[in-house]
PDB file of N, CA and C in Angstrom:
ATOM      1  N   MET A   1      -9.516 -55.505 -36.989  1.00  0.00           N
ATOM      2  CA  MET A   1      -8.389 -55.608 -37.890  1.00  0.00           C
ATOM      3  C   MET A   1      -8.650 -56.746 -38.864  1.00  0.00           C
ATOM      4  N   GLN A   2      -8.241 -56.576 -40.115  1.00  0.00           N
ATOM      5  CA  GLN A   2      -8.476 -57.585 -41.128  1.00  0.00           C
ATOM      6  C   GLN A   2      -7.372 -57.565 -42.168  1.00  0.00           C
ATOM      7  N   LYS A   3      -7.328 -58.625 -42.971  1.00  0.00           N
ATOM      8  CA  LYS A   3      -6.375 -58.708 -44.070  1.00  0.00           C
ATOM      9  C   LYS A   3      -7.138 -59.220 -45.287  1.00  0.00           C
ATOM     10  N   LEU A   4      -6.894 -58.615 -46.441  1.00  0.00           N
ATOM     11  CA  LEU A   4      -7.550 -59.002 -47.686  1.00  0.00           C
ATOM     12  C   LEU A   4      -6.530 -59.599 -48.639  1.00  0.00           C
ATOM     13  N   PHE A   5      -6.932 -60.675 -49.334  1.00  0.00           N
ATOM     14  CA  PHE A   5      -6.115 -61.197 -50.413  1.00  0.00           C
ATOM     15  C   PHE A   5      -6.995 -62.004 -51.349  1.00  0.00           C
ATOM     16  N   LYS A   6      -6.465 -62.322 -52.509  1.00  0.00           N
ATOM     17  CA  LYS A   6      -7.225 -63.002 -53.555  1.00  0.00           C
ATOM     18  C   LYS A   6      -7.119 -64.518 -53.392  1.00  0.00           C
ATOM     19  N   SER A   7      -8.237 -65.221 -53.596  1.00  0.00           N
ATOM     20  CA  SER A   7      -8.221 -66.681 -53.546  1.00  0.00           C
ATOM     21  C   SER A   7      -7.732 -67.219 -54.880  1.00  0.00           C
ATOM     22  N   ASP A   8      -7.505 -68.544 -54.950  1.00  0.00           N
ATOM     23  CA  ASP A   8      -6.999 -69.140 -56.178  1.00  0.00           C
ATOM     24  C   ASP A   8      -7.989 -69.053 -57.340  1.00  0.00           C
ATOM     25  N   ASN A   9      -9.286 -68.882 -57.066  1.00  0.00           N
ATOM     26  CA  ASN A   9     -10.271 -68.773 -58.148  1.00  0.00           C
ATOM     27  C   ASN A   9     -10.719 -67.330 -58.381  1.00  0.00           C
ATOM     28  N   GLY A  10      -9.999 -66.368 -57.847  1.00  0.00           N
ATOM     29  CA  GLY A  10     -10.278 -64.963 -58.105  1.00  0.00           C
ATOM     30  C   GLY A  10     -11.203 -64.286 -57.113  1.00  0.00           C
ATOM     31  N   ASN A  11     -11.744 -65.034 -56.153  1.00  0.00           N
ATOM     32  CA  ASN A  11     -12.572 -64.412 -55.124  1.00  0.00           C
ATOM     33  C   ASN A  11     -11.687 -63.680 -54.111  1.00  0.00           C
ATOM     34  N   ILE A  12     -12.314 -63.009 -53.176  1.00  0.00           N
ATOM     35  CA  ILE A  12     -11.599 -62.223 -52.173  1.00  0.00           C
ATOM     36  C   ILE A  12     -11.705 -62.929 -50.822  1.00  0.00           C
ATOM     37  N   ILE A  13     -10.589 -63.082 -50.145  1.00  0.00           N
ATOM     38  CA  ILE A  13     -10.585 -63.653 -48.801  1.00  0.00           C
ATOM     39  C   ILE A  13     -10.384 -62.499 -47.829  1.00  0.00           C
ATOM     40  N   VAL A  14     -11.328 -62.359 -46.913  1.00  0.00           N
ATOM     41  CA  VAL A  14     -11.257 -61.342 -45.870  1.00  0.00           C
ATOM     42  C   VAL A  14     -11.018 -62.091 -44.564  1.00  0.00           C
ATOM     43  N   SER A  15      -9.861 -61.878 -43.954  1.00  0.00           N
ATOM     44  CA  SER A  15      -9.527 -62.633 -42.753  1.00  0.00           C
ATOM     45  C   SER A  15      -9.533 -61.736 -41.524  1.00  0.00           C
ATOM     46  N   TYR A  16     -10.052 -62.293 -40.450  1.00  0.00           N
ATOM     47  CA  TYR A  16     -10.144 -61.661 -39.134  1.00  0.00           C
ATOM     48  C   TYR A  16      -9.513 -62.625 -38.127  1.00  0.00           C
ATOM     49  N   PRO A  17      -9.296 -62.196 -36.896  1.00  0.00           N
ATOM     50  CA  PRO A  17      -8.724 -63.114 -35.904  1.00  0.00           C
ATOM     51  C   PRO A  17      -9.566 -64.371 -35.676  1.00  0.00           C
ATOM     52  N   GLU A  18     -10.887 -64.252 -35.680  1.00  0.00           N
ATOM     53  CA  GLU A  18     -11.762 -65.376 -35.317  1.00  0.00           C
ATOM     54  C   GLU A  18     -12.430 -66.070 -36.498  1.00  0.00           C
ATOM     55  N   LEU A  19     -12.271 -65.541 -37.726  1.00  0.00           N
ATOM     56  CA  LEU A  19     -12.917 -66.150 -38.904  1.00  0.00           C
ATOM     57  C   LEU A  19     -12.315 -65.596 -40.176  1.00  0.00           C
ATOM     58  N   HIS A  20     -12.693 -66.246 -41.306  1.00  0.00           N
ATOM     59  CA  HIS A  20     -12.411 -65.635 -42.606  1.00  0.00           C
ATOM     60  C   HIS A  20     -13.618 -65.847 -43.514  1.00  0.00           C
ATOM     61  N   ASN A  21     -13.862 -64.877 -44.374  1.00  0.00           N
ATOM     62  CA  ASN A  21     -14.946 -64.925 -45.346  1.00  0.00           C
ATOM     63  C   ASN A  21     -14.353 -65.025 -46.740  1.00  0.00           C
ATOM     64  N   ILE A  22     -15.025 -65.785 -47.589  1.00  0.00           N
ATOM     65  CA  ILE A  22     -14.696 -65.781 -49.009  1.00  0.00           C
ATOM     66  C   ILE A  22     -15.814 -65.010 -49.689  1.00  0.00           C
ATOM     67  N   VAL A  23     -15.435 -63.930 -50.380  1.00  0.00           N
ATOM     68  CA  VAL A  23     -16.387 -63.008 -50.988  1.00  0.00           C
ATOM     69  C   VAL A  23     -16.266 -63.119 -52.506  1.00  0.00           C
ATOM     70  N   SER A  24     -17.396 -63.250 -53.181  1.00  0.00           N
ATOM     71  CA  SER A  24     -17.418 -63.318 -54.639  1.00  0.00           C
ATOM     72  C   SER A  24     -16.897 -62.011 -55.222  1.00  0.00           C
ATOM     73  N   SER A  25     -15.945 -62.113 -56.134  1.00  0.00           N
ATOM     74  CA  SER A  25     -15.411 -60.899 -56.757  1.00  0.00           C
ATOM     75  C   SER A  25     -16.358 -60.339 -57.813  1.00  0.00           C
ATOM     76  N   SER A  26     -17.355 -61.127 -58.235  1.00  0.00           N
ATOM     77  CA  SER A  26     -18.281 -60.639 -59.255  1.00  0.00           C
ATOM     78  C   SER A  26     -19.469 -59.874 -58.676  1.00  0.00           C
ATOM     79  N   ASN A  27     -19.978 -60.306 -57.491  1.00  0.00           N
ATOM     80  CA  ASN A  27     -21.145 -59.607 -56.924  1.00  0.00           C
ATOM     81  C   ASN A  27     -20.962 -59.187 -55.460  1.00  0.00           C
ATOM     82  N   MET A  28     -19.773 -59.408 -54.904  1.00  0.00           N
ATOM     83  CA  MET A  28     -19.423 -59.017 -53.534  1.00  0.00           C
ATOM     84  C   MET A  28     -20.268 -59.706 -52.462  1.00  0.00           C
ATOM     85  N   ALA A  29     -20.896 -60.829 -52.793  1.00  0.00           N
ATOM     86  CA  ALA A  29     -21.654 -61.611 -51.813  1.00  0.00           C
ATOM     87  C   ALA A  29     -20.706 -62.559 -51.081  1.00  0.00           C
ATOM     88  N   ILE A  30     -20.971 -62.796 -49.799  1.00  0.00           N
ATOM     89  CA  ILE A  30     -20.171 -63.746 -49.031  1.00  0.00           C
ATOM     90  C   ILE A  30     -20.548 -65.154 -49.481  1.00  0.00           C
ATOM     91  N   VAL A  31     -19.570 -65.866 -50.017  1.00  0.00           N
ATOM     92  CA  VAL A  31     -19.769 -67.220 -50.519  1.00  0.00           C
ATOM     93  C   VAL A  31     -19.640 -68.243 -49.396  1.00  0.00           C
ATOM     94  N   LYS A  32     -18.699 -67.996 -48.478  1.00  0.00           N
ATOM     95  CA  LYS A  32     -18.433 -68.956 -47.401  1.00  0.00           C
ATOM     96  C   LYS A  32     -17.819 -68.229 -46.218  1.00  0.00           C
ATOM     97  N   THR A  33     -18.217 -68.635 -45.025  1.00  0.00           N
ATOM     98  CA  THR A  33     -17.630 -68.128 -43.789  1.00  0.00           C
ATOM     99  C   THR A  33     -17.062 -69.305 -43.014  1.00  0.00           C
ATOM    100  N   THR A  34     -15.831 -69.179 -42.580  1.00  0.00           N
ATOM    101  CA  THR A  34     -15.206 -70.202 -41.748  1.00  0.00           C
ATOM    102  C   THR A  34     -14.860 -69.571 -40.412  1.00  0.00           C
ATOM    103  N   ARG A  35     -15.500 -70.067 -39.345  1.00  0.00           N
ATOM    104  CA  ARG A  35     -15.212 -69.600 -37.986  1.00  0.00           C
ATOM    105  C   ARG A  35     -14.280 -70.610 -37.320  1.00  0.00           C
ATOM    106  N   TYR A  36     -13.369 -70.092 -36.524  1.00  0.00           N
ATOM    107  CA  TYR A  36     -12.409 -70.937 -35.829  1.00  0.00           C
ATOM    108  C   TYR A  36     -12.836 -71.091 -34.381  1.00  0.00           C
ATOM    109  N   GLU A  37     -12.641 -72.288 -33.850  1.00  0.00           N
ATOM    110  CA  GLU A  37     -12.870 -72.490 -32.424  1.00  0.00           C
ATOM    111  C   GLU A  37     -11.767 -71.762 -31.657  1.00  0.00           C
ATOM    112  N   GLU A  38     -12.093 -71.324 -30.452  1.00  0.00           N
ATOM    113  CA  GLU A  38     -11.114 -70.612 -29.634  1.00  0.00           C
ATOM    114  C   GLU A  38      -9.876 -71.482 -29.435  1.00  0.00           C
ATOM    115  N   GLY A  39      -8.724 -70.896 -29.691  1.00  0.00           N
ATOM    116  CA  GLY A  39      -7.464 -71.615 -29.548  1.00  0.00           C
ATOM    117  C   GLY A  39      -7.001 -72.311 -30.809  1.00  0.00           C
ATOM    118  N   THR A  40      -7.824 -72.332 -31.858  1.00  0.00           N
ATOM    119  CA  THR A  40      -7.437 -72.990 -33.107  1.00  0.00           C
ATOM    120  C   THR A  40      -7.264 -71.998 -34.254  1.00  0.00           C
ATOM    121  N   GLU A  41      -7.273 -70.723 -33.956  1.00  0.00           N
ATOM    122  CA  GLU A  41      -7.144 -69.696 -34.981  1.00  0.00           C
ATOM    123  C   GLU A  41      -5.824 -69.856 -35.728  1.00  0.00           C
ATOM    124  N   PRO A  42      -5.860 -69.875 -37.084  1.00  0.00           N
ATOM    125  CA  PRO A  42      -4.623 -70.069 -37.835  1.00  0.00           C
ATOM    126  C   PRO A  42      -3.698 -68.853 -37.836  1.00  0.00           C
ATOM    127  N   GLY A  43      -4.214 -67.663 -37.552  1.00  0.00           N
ATOM    128  CA  GLY A  43      -3.374 -66.485 -37.378  1.00  0.00           C
ATOM    129  C   GLY A  43      -2.821 -65.861 -38.645  1.00  0.00           C
ATOM    130  N   PHE A  44      -3.369 -66.181 -39.819  1.00  0.00           N
ATOM    131  CA  PHE A  44      -2.814 -65.560 -41.024  1.00  0.00           C
ATOM    132  C   PHE A  44      -3.323 -64.140 -41.233  1.00  0.00           C
ATOM    133  N   TRP A  45      -4.316 -63.721 -40.484  1.00  0.00           N
ATOM    134  CA  TRP A  45      -4.856 -62.370 -40.635  1.00  0.00           C
ATOM    135  C   TRP A  45      -3.846 -61.291 -40.271  1.00  0.00           C
ATOM    136  N   ASN A  46      -2.874 -61.615 -39.418  1.00  0.00           N
ATOM    137  CA  ASN A  46      -1.883 -60.594 -39.036  1.00  0.00           C
ATOM    138  C   ASN A  46      -0.458 -60.987 -39.394  1.00  0.00           C
ATOM    139  N   SER A  47      -0.320 -61.889 -40.354  1.00  0.00           N
ATOM    140  CA  SER A  47       1.006 -62.300 -40.783  1.00  0.00           C
ATOM    141  C   SER A  47       1.634 -61.241 -41.686  1.00  0.00           C
ATOM    142  N   GLU A  48       2.899 -60.959 -41.432  1.00  0.00           N
ATOM    143  CA  GLU A  48       3.615 -59.996 -42.269  1.00  0.00           C
ATOM    144  C   GLU A  48       4.094 -60.633 -43.562  1.00  0.00           C
ATOM    145  N   PHE A  49       4.322 -61.944 -43.552  1.00  0.00           N
ATOM    146  CA  PHE A  49       4.875 -62.635 -44.709  1.00  0.00           C
ATOM    147  C   PHE A  49       3.924 -63.748 -45.133  1.00  0.00           C
ATOM    148  N   SER A  50       3.614 -63.805 -46.436  1.00  0.00           N
ATOM    149  CA  SER A  50       2.771 -64.888 -46.920  1.00  0.00           C
ATOM    150  C   SER A  50       3.001 -65.105 -48.402  1.00  0.00           C
ATOM    151  N   PHE A  51       2.655 -66.307 -48.854  1.00  0.00           N
ATOM    152  CA  PHE A  51       2.786 -66.695 -50.251  1.00  0.00           C
ATOM    153  C   PHE A  51       1.691 -67.696 -50.577  1.00  0.00           C
ATOM    154  N   ARG A  52       1.058 -67.590 -51.724  1.00  0.00           N
ATOM    155  CA  ARG A  52       0.037 -68.547 -52.173  1.00  0.00           C
ATOM    156  C   ARG A  52       0.629 -69.411 -53.269  1.00  0.00           C
ATOM    157  N   ASP A  53       0.397 -70.724 -53.209  1.00  0.00           N
ATOM    158  CA  ASP A  53       0.866 -71.596 -54.281  1.00  0.00           C
ATOM    159  C   ASP A  53      -0.261 -71.823 -55.290  1.00  0.00           C
ATOM    160  N   VAL A  54       0.018 -72.587 -56.339  1.00  0.00           N
ATOM    161  CA  VAL A  54      -0.969 -72.787 -57.406  1.00  0.00           C
ATOM    162  C   VAL A  54      -2.184 -73.603 -56.938  1.00  0.00           C
ATOM    163  N   GLN A  55      -2.058 -74.368 -55.873  1.00  0.00           N
ATOM    164  CA  GLN A  55      -3.189 -75.112 -55.313  1.00  0.00           C
ATOM    165  C   GLN A  55      -4.039 -74.252 -54.385  1.00  0.00           C
ATOM    166  N   GLY A  56      -3.611 -73.036 -54.112  1.00  0.00           N
ATOM    167  CA  GLY A  56      -4.368 -72.144 -53.244  1.00  0.00           C
ATOM    168  C   GLY A  56      -3.982 -72.197 -51.788  1.00  0.00           C
ATOM    169  N   ASN A  57      -2.951 -72.972 -51.438  1.00  0.00           N
ATOM    170  CA  ASN A  57      -2.483 -73.014 -50.045  1.00  0.00           C
ATOM    171  C   ASN A  57      -1.754 -71.726 -49.708  1.00  0.00           C
ATOM    172  N   LEU A  58      -1.922 -71.274 -48.488  1.00  0.00           N
ATOM    173  CA  LEU A  58      -1.273 -70.065 -48.010  1.00  0.00           C
ATOM    174  C   LEU A  58      -0.112 -70.453 -47.105  1.00  0.00           C
ATOM    175  N   TYR A  59       1.089 -70.055 -47.460  1.00  0.00           N
ATOM    176  CA  TYR A  59       2.286 -70.268 -46.656  1.00  0.00           C
ATOM    177  C   TYR A  59       2.575 -68.950 -45.971  1.00  0.00           C
ATOM    178  N   TYR A  60       2.717 -68.969 -44.647  1.00  0.00           N
ATOM    179  CA  TYR A  60       2.858 -67.701 -43.940  1.00  0.00           C
ATOM    180  C   TYR A  60       3.666 -67.871 -42.662  1.00  0.00           C
ATOM    181  N   SER A  61       4.069 -66.752 -42.130  1.00  0.00           N
ATOM    182  CA  SER A  61       4.774 -66.702 -40.866  1.00  0.00           C
ATOM    183  C   SER A  61       3.742 -66.353 -39.802  1.00  0.00           C
ATOM    184  N   MET A  62       3.469 -67.289 -38.898  1.00  0.00           N
ATOM    185  CA  MET A  62       2.411 -67.104 -37.907  1.00  0.00           C
ATOM    186  C   MET A  62       2.972 -66.554 -36.602  1.00  0.00           C
ATOM    187  N   PRO A  63       2.517 -65.366 -36.208  1.00  0.00           N
ATOM    188  CA  PRO A  63       2.921 -64.853 -34.893  1.00  0.00           C
ATOM    189  C   PRO A  63       2.356 -65.763 -33.794  1.00  0.00           C
ATOM    190  N   THR A  64       3.156 -66.055 -32.794  1.00  0.00           N
ATOM    191  CA  THR A  64       2.707 -66.933 -31.713  1.00  0.00           C
ATOM    192  C   THR A  64       2.727 -66.201 -30.384  1.00  0.00           C
ATOM    193  N   ASN A  65       1.843 -66.614 -29.538  1.00  0.00           N
ATOM    194  CA  ASN A  65       1.867 -66.183 -28.145  1.00  0.00           C
ATOM    195  C   ASN A  65       1.556 -67.398 -27.282  1.00  0.00           C
ATOM    196  N   TYR A  66       1.869 -68.575 -27.829  1.00  0.00           N
ATOM    197  CA  TYR A  66       1.572 -69.828 -27.139  1.00  0.00           C
ATOM    198  C   TYR A  66       2.674 -70.171 -26.160  1.00  0.00           C
ATOM    199  N   SER A  67       2.282 -70.719 -25.042  1.00  0.00           N
ATOM    200  CA  SER A  67       3.296 -71.192 -24.114  1.00  0.00           C
ATOM    201  C   SER A  67       3.891 -72.470 -24.697  1.00  0.00           C
ATOM    202  N   GLY A  68       5.121 -72.720 -24.414  1.00  0.00           N
ATOM    203  CA  GLY A  68       5.765 -73.919 -24.915  1.00  0.00           C
ATOM    204  C   GLY A  68       6.630 -73.674 -26.139  1.00  0.00           C
ATOM    205  N   THR A  69       6.553 -72.503 -26.748  1.00  0.00           N
ATOM    206  CA  THR A  69       7.451 -72.191 -27.853  1.00  0.00           C
ATOM    207  C   THR A  69       8.242 -70.938 -27.504  1.00  0.00           C
ATOM    208  N   SER A  70       9.497 -70.939 -27.898  1.00  0.00           N
ATOM    209  CA  SER A  70      10.347 -69.795 -27.583  1.00  0.00           C
ATOM    210  C   SER A  70      10.526 -68.868 -28.782  1.00  0.00           C
ATOM    211  N   TYR A  71       9.763 -69.122 -29.850  1.00  0.00           N
ATOM    212  CA  TYR A  71       9.896 -68.324 -31.063  1.00  0.00           C
ATOM    213  C   TYR A  71       8.663 -67.440 -31.262  1.00  0.00           C
ATOM    214  N   PRO A  72       8.865 -66.176 -31.592  1.00  0.00           N
ATOM    215  CA  PRO A  72       7.731 -65.263 -31.777  1.00  0.00           C
ATOM    216  C   PRO A  72       6.939 -65.536 -33.052  1.00  0.00           C
ATOM    217  N   ASN A  73       7.556 -66.192 -34.042  1.00  0.00           N
ATOM    218  CA  ASN A  73       6.887 -66.543 -35.293  1.00  0.00           C
ATOM    219  C   ASN A  73       7.281 -67.945 -35.698  1.00  0.00           C
ATOM    220  N   ILE A  74       6.339 -68.681 -36.298  1.00  0.00           N
ATOM    221  CA  ILE A  74       6.631 -70.021 -36.787  1.00  0.00           C
ATOM    222  C   ILE A  74       6.080 -70.163 -38.202  1.00  0.00           C
ATOM    223  N   PRO A  75       6.658 -71.040 -39.018  1.00  0.00           N
ATOM    224  CA  PRO A  75       6.117 -71.281 -40.351  1.00  0.00           C
ATOM    225  C   PRO A  75       4.789 -72.026 -40.245  1.00  0.00           C
ATOM    226  N   ALA A  76       3.863 -71.696 -41.149  1.00  0.00           N
ATOM    227  CA  ALA A  76       2.553 -72.341 -41.162  1.00  0.00           C
ATOM    228  C   ALA A  76       2.025 -72.417 -42.594  1.00  0.00           C
ATOM    229  N   VAL A  77       1.122 -73.364 -42.820  1.00  0.00           N
ATOM    230  CA  VAL A  77       0.458 -73.521 -44.114  1.00  0.00           C
ATOM    231  C   VAL A  77      -1.027 -73.655 -43.854  1.00  0.00           C
ATOM    232  N   TYR A  78      -1.850 -72.873 -44.580  1.00  0.00           N
ATOM    233  CA  TYR A  78      -3.300 -72.992 -44.459  1.00  0.00           C
ATOM    234  C   TYR A  78      -3.861 -73.487 -45.780  1.00  0.00           C
ATOM    235  N   ASN A  79      -4.650 -74.586 -45.724  1.00  0.00           N
ATOM    236  CA  ASN A  79      -5.296 -75.167 -46.888  1.00  0.00           C
ATOM    237  C   ASN A  79      -6.754 -74.723 -46.874  1.00  0.00           C
ATOM    238  N   PHE A  80      -7.135 -73.844 -47.793  1.00  0.00           N
ATOM    239  CA  PHE A  80      -8.487 -73.286 -47.817  1.00  0.00           C
ATOM    240  C   PHE A  80      -9.533 -74.306 -48.256  1.00  0.00           C
ATOM    241  N   GLN A  81      -9.161 -75.291 -49.067  1.00  0.00           N
ATOM    242  CA  GLN A  81     -10.131 -76.306 -49.483  1.00  0.00           C
ATOM    243  C   GLN A  81     -10.549 -77.187 -48.323  1.00  0.00           C
ATOM    244  N   MET A  82      -9.594 -77.520 -47.463  1.00  0.00           N
ATOM    245  CA  MET A  82      -9.884 -78.406 -46.331  1.00  0.00           C
ATOM    246  C   MET A  82     -10.062 -77.636 -45.022  1.00  0.00           C
ATOM    247  N   ASN A  83      -9.799 -76.319 -45.040  1.00  0.00           N
ATOM    248  CA  ASN A  83      -9.852 -75.494 -43.823  1.00  0.00           C
ATOM    249  C   ASN A  83      -8.985 -76.072 -42.714  1.00  0.00           C
ATOM    250  N   THR A  84      -7.744 -76.364 -43.071  1.00  0.00           N
ATOM    251  CA  THR A  84      -6.803 -76.895 -42.091  1.00  0.00           C
ATOM    252  C   THR A  84      -5.530 -76.061 -42.083  1.00  0.00           C
ATOM    253  N   ALA A  85      -4.935 -75.938 -40.920  1.00  0.00           N
ATOM    254  CA  ALA A  85      -3.659 -75.253 -40.764  1.00  0.00           C
ATOM    255  C   ALA A  85      -2.634 -76.249 -40.249  1.00  0.00           C
ATOM    256  N   ILE A  86      -1.448 -76.197 -40.828  1.00  0.00           N
ATOM    257  CA  ILE A  86      -0.327 -76.991 -40.342  1.00  0.00           C
ATOM    258  C   ILE A  86       0.690 -76.006 -39.800  1.00  0.00           C
ATOM    259  N   LEU A  87       1.021 -76.156 -38.533  1.00  0.00           N
ATOM    260  CA  LEU A  87       1.944 -75.250 -37.853  1.00  0.00           C
ATOM    261  C   LEU A  87       3.247 -75.999 -37.601  1.00  0.00           C
ATOM    262  N   TYR A  88       4.359 -75.396 -37.952  1.00  0.00           N
ATOM    263  CA  TYR A  88       5.657 -76.040 -37.829  1.00  0.00           C
ATOM    264  C   TYR A  88       6.437 -75.419 -36.672  1.00  0.00           C
ATOM    265  N   TYR A  89       6.242 -75.968 -35.493  1.00  0.00           N
ATOM    266  CA  TYR A  89       6.991 -75.516 -34.323  1.00  0.00           C
ATOM    267  C   TYR A  89       8.404 -76.076 -34.406  1.00  0.00           C
ATOM    268  N   PHE A  90       9.393 -75.198 -34.342  1.00  0.00           N
ATOM    269  CA  PHE A  90      10.778 -75.634 -34.448  1.00  0.00           C
ATOM    270  C   PHE A  90      11.127 -76.655 -33.370  1.00  0.00           C
ATOM    271  N   GLU A  91      10.538 -76.485 -32.193  1.00  0.00           N
ATOM    272  CA  GLU A  91      10.839 -77.408 -31.099  1.00  0.00           C
ATOM    273  C   GLU A  91      10.494 -78.849 -31.452  1.00  0.00           C
ATOM    274  N   ASN A  92       9.519 -79.051 -32.339  1.00  0.00           N
ATOM    275  CA  ASN A  92       9.109 -80.404 -32.708  1.00  0.00           C
ATOM    276  C   ASN A  92      10.075 -81.069 -33.683  1.00  0.00           C
ATOM    277  N   PHE A  93      10.923 -80.287 -34.343  1.00  0.00           N
ATOM    278  CA  PHE A  93      11.779 -80.826 -35.390  1.00  0.00           C
ATOM    279  C   PHE A  93      13.265 -80.760 -35.073  1.00  0.00           C
ATOM    280  N   LEU A  94      13.633 -79.912 -34.148  1.00  0.00           N
ATOM    281  CA  LEU A  94      15.047 -79.698 -33.876  1.00  0.00           C
ATOM    282  C   LEU A  94      15.400 -80.064 -32.444  1.00  0.00           C
ATOM    283  N   SER A  95      16.599 -80.575 -32.268  1.00  0.00           N
ATOM    284  CA  SER A  95      17.082 -80.835 -30.910  1.00  0.00           C
ATOM    285  C   SER A  95      17.475 -79.497 -30.284  1.00  0.00           C
ATOM    286  N   ASP A  96      17.690 -79.493 -28.959  1.00  0.00           N
ATOM    287  CA  ASP A  96      18.117 -78.268 -28.281  1.00  0.00           C
ATOM    288  C   ASP A  96      19.444 -77.768 -28.849  1.00  0.00           C
ATOM    289  N   GLU A  97      20.346 -78.699 -29.132  1.00  0.00           N
ATOM    290  CA  GLU A  97      21.646 -78.308 -29.686  1.00  0.00           C
ATOM    291  C   GLU A  97      21.481 -77.676 -31.066  1.00  0.00           C
ATOM    292  N   GLU A  98      20.636 -78.241 -31.908  1.00  0.00           N
ATOM    293  CA  GLU A  98      20.398 -77.666 -33.237  1.00  0.00           C
ATOM    294  C   GLU A  98      19.780 -76.269 -33.130  1.00  0.00           C
ATOM    295  N   LYS A  99      18.821 -76.121 -32.221  1.00  0.00           N
ATOM    296  CA  LYS A  99      18.166 -74.814 -32.061  1.00  0.00           C
ATOM    297  C   LYS A  99      19.132 -73.740 -31.579  1.00  0.00           C
ATOM    298  N   LEU A 100      20.002 -74.104 -30.638  1.00  0.00           N
ATOM    299  CA  LEU A 100      20.849 -73.105 -29.995  1.00  0.00           C
ATOM    300  C   LEU A 100      22.202 -72.903 -30.659  1.00  0.00           C
ATOM    301  N   VAL A 101      22.742 -73.938 -31.298  1.00  0.00           N
ATOM    302  CA  VAL A 101      24.100 -73.844 -31.821  1.00  0.00           C
ATOM    303  C   VAL A 101      24.140 -73.902 -33.346  1.00  0.00           C
ATOM    304  N   GLU A 102      23.512 -74.928 -33.906  1.00  0.00           N
ATOM    305  CA  GLU A 102      23.663 -75.156 -35.340  1.00  0.00           C
ATOM    306  C   GLU A 102      22.884 -74.157 -36.193  1.00  0.00           C
ATOM    307  N   PHE A 103      21.623 -73.908 -35.849  1.00  0.00           N
ATOM    308  CA  PHE A 103      20.791 -73.050 -36.674  1.00  0.00           C
ATOM    309  C   PHE A 103      20.598 -71.639 -36.120  1.00  0.00           C
ATOM    310  N   ILE A 104      20.651 -71.467 -34.813  1.00  0.00           N
ATOM    311  CA  ILE A 104      20.497 -70.181 -34.149  1.00  0.00           C
ATOM    312  C   ILE A 104      19.269 -69.438 -34.691  1.00  0.00           C
ATOM    313  N   ILE A 105      18.115 -70.043 -34.538  1.00  0.00           N
ATOM    314  CA  ILE A 105      16.861 -69.459 -35.009  1.00  0.00           C
ATOM    315  C   ILE A 105      16.342 -68.487 -33.960  1.00  0.00           C
ATOM    316  N   SER A 106      16.110 -67.260 -34.363  1.00  0.00           N
ATOM    317  CA  SER A 106      15.532 -66.300 -33.427  1.00  0.00           C
ATOM    318  C   SER A 106      14.176 -65.812 -33.899  1.00  0.00           C
ATOM    319  N   ILE A 107      13.930 -65.814 -35.218  1.00  0.00           N
ATOM    320  CA  ILE A 107      12.647 -65.371 -35.750  1.00  0.00           C
ATOM    321  C   ILE A 107      12.477 -65.945 -37.163  1.00  0.00           C
ATOM    322  N   THR A 108      11.245 -66.208 -37.529  1.00  0.00           N
ATOM    323  CA  THR A 108      10.956 -66.667 -38.880  1.00  0.00           C
ATOM    324  C   THR A 108      10.665 -65.448 -39.734  1.00  0.00           C
ATOM    325  N   THR A 109      11.437 -65.264 -40.781  1.00  0.00           N
ATOM    326  CA  THR A 109      11.213 -64.113 -41.660  1.00  0.00           C
ATOM    327  C   THR A 109      10.806 -64.532 -43.063  1.00  0.00           C
ATOM    328  N   MET A 110      10.771 -65.840 -43.330  1.00  0.00           N
ATOM    329  CA  MET A 110      10.374 -66.306 -44.640  1.00  0.00           C
ATOM    330  C   MET A 110       9.854 -67.732 -44.510  1.00  0.00           C
ATOM    331  N   VAL A 111       8.863 -68.060 -45.318  1.00  0.00           N
ATOM    332  CA  VAL A 111       8.351 -69.418 -45.364  1.00  0.00           C
ATOM    333  C   VAL A 111       8.549 -69.908 -46.779  1.00  0.00           C
ATOM    334  N   SER A 112       9.221 -71.025 -46.921  1.00  0.00           N
ATOM    335  CA  SER A 112       9.487 -71.598 -48.221  1.00  0.00           C
ATOM    336  C   SER A 112       8.505 -72.729 -48.476  1.00  0.00           C
ATOM    337  N   TYR A 113       8.408 -73.190 -49.703  1.00  0.00           N
ATOM    338  CA  TYR A 113       7.476 -74.267 -49.994  1.00  0.00           C
ATOM    339  C   TYR A 113       8.037 -75.198 -51.038  1.00  0.00           C
ATOM    340  N   ASP A 114       7.460 -76.382 -51.095  1.00  0.00           N
ATOM    341  CA  ASP A 114       7.826 -77.391 -52.067  1.00  0.00           C
ATOM    342  C   ASP A 114       6.590 -77.658 -52.905  1.00  0.00           C
ATOM    343  N   ALA A 115       6.609 -77.327 -54.189  1.00  0.00           N
ATOM    344  CA  ALA A 115       5.440 -77.454 -55.060  1.00  0.00           C
ATOM    345  C   ALA A 115       4.985 -78.899 -55.212  1.00  0.00           C
ATOM    346  N   LYS A 116       5.851 -79.872 -54.905  1.00  0.00           N
ATOM    347  CA  LYS A 116       5.475 -81.278 -55.031  1.00  0.00           C
ATOM    348  C   LYS A 116       4.768 -81.814 -53.796  1.00  0.00           C
ATOM    349  N   THR A 117       4.811 -81.068 -52.694  1.00  0.00           N
ATOM    350  CA  THR A 117       4.197 -81.502 -51.453  1.00  0.00           C
ATOM    351  C   THR A 117       2.686 -81.425 -51.564  1.00  0.00           C
ATOM    352  N   THR A 118       2.003 -82.460 -51.118  1.00  0.00           N
ATOM    353  CA  THR A 118       0.536 -82.443 -51.091  1.00  0.00           C
ATOM    354  C   THR A 118       0.082 -82.542 -49.658  1.00  0.00           C
ATOM    355  N   PHE A 119      -1.120 -82.057 -49.395  1.00  0.00           N
ATOM    356  CA  PHE A 119      -1.665 -82.055 -48.048  1.00  0.00           C
ATOM    357  C   PHE A 119      -2.859 -82.985 -47.995  1.00  0.00           C
ATOM    358  N   PHE A 120      -2.974 -83.711 -46.892  1.00  0.00           N
ATOM    359  CA  PHE A 120      -4.084 -84.649 -46.726  1.00  0.00           C
ATOM    360  C   PHE A 120      -5.036 -84.159 -45.686  1.00  0.00           C
TER     361      PHE A 120
END
């Protein structure tokens, strides 16, 4: 299974569960391959929702099967220049009362972004 989308410079990103390739749109040659260590896969290859910003970061809803989280999807950001993923587990930001009463989060269906935010 794979997912295809365009990079910020017009190349093609082909994503798989264990890696992603950047393919030149002019000659279809693989420009770069990024393999993930087991357990560190960013999971954007099977995301139903995603958005690319002008810096080329991918904002997406990451399906989870990790123990320790009670949510089937969490917001995530992948930075292709640095090959880093930032995963936003609700449990890390919200109290139990906020999760259960105030926000009543059951699934992530959209990931929003702030164009002024930079990643290090």
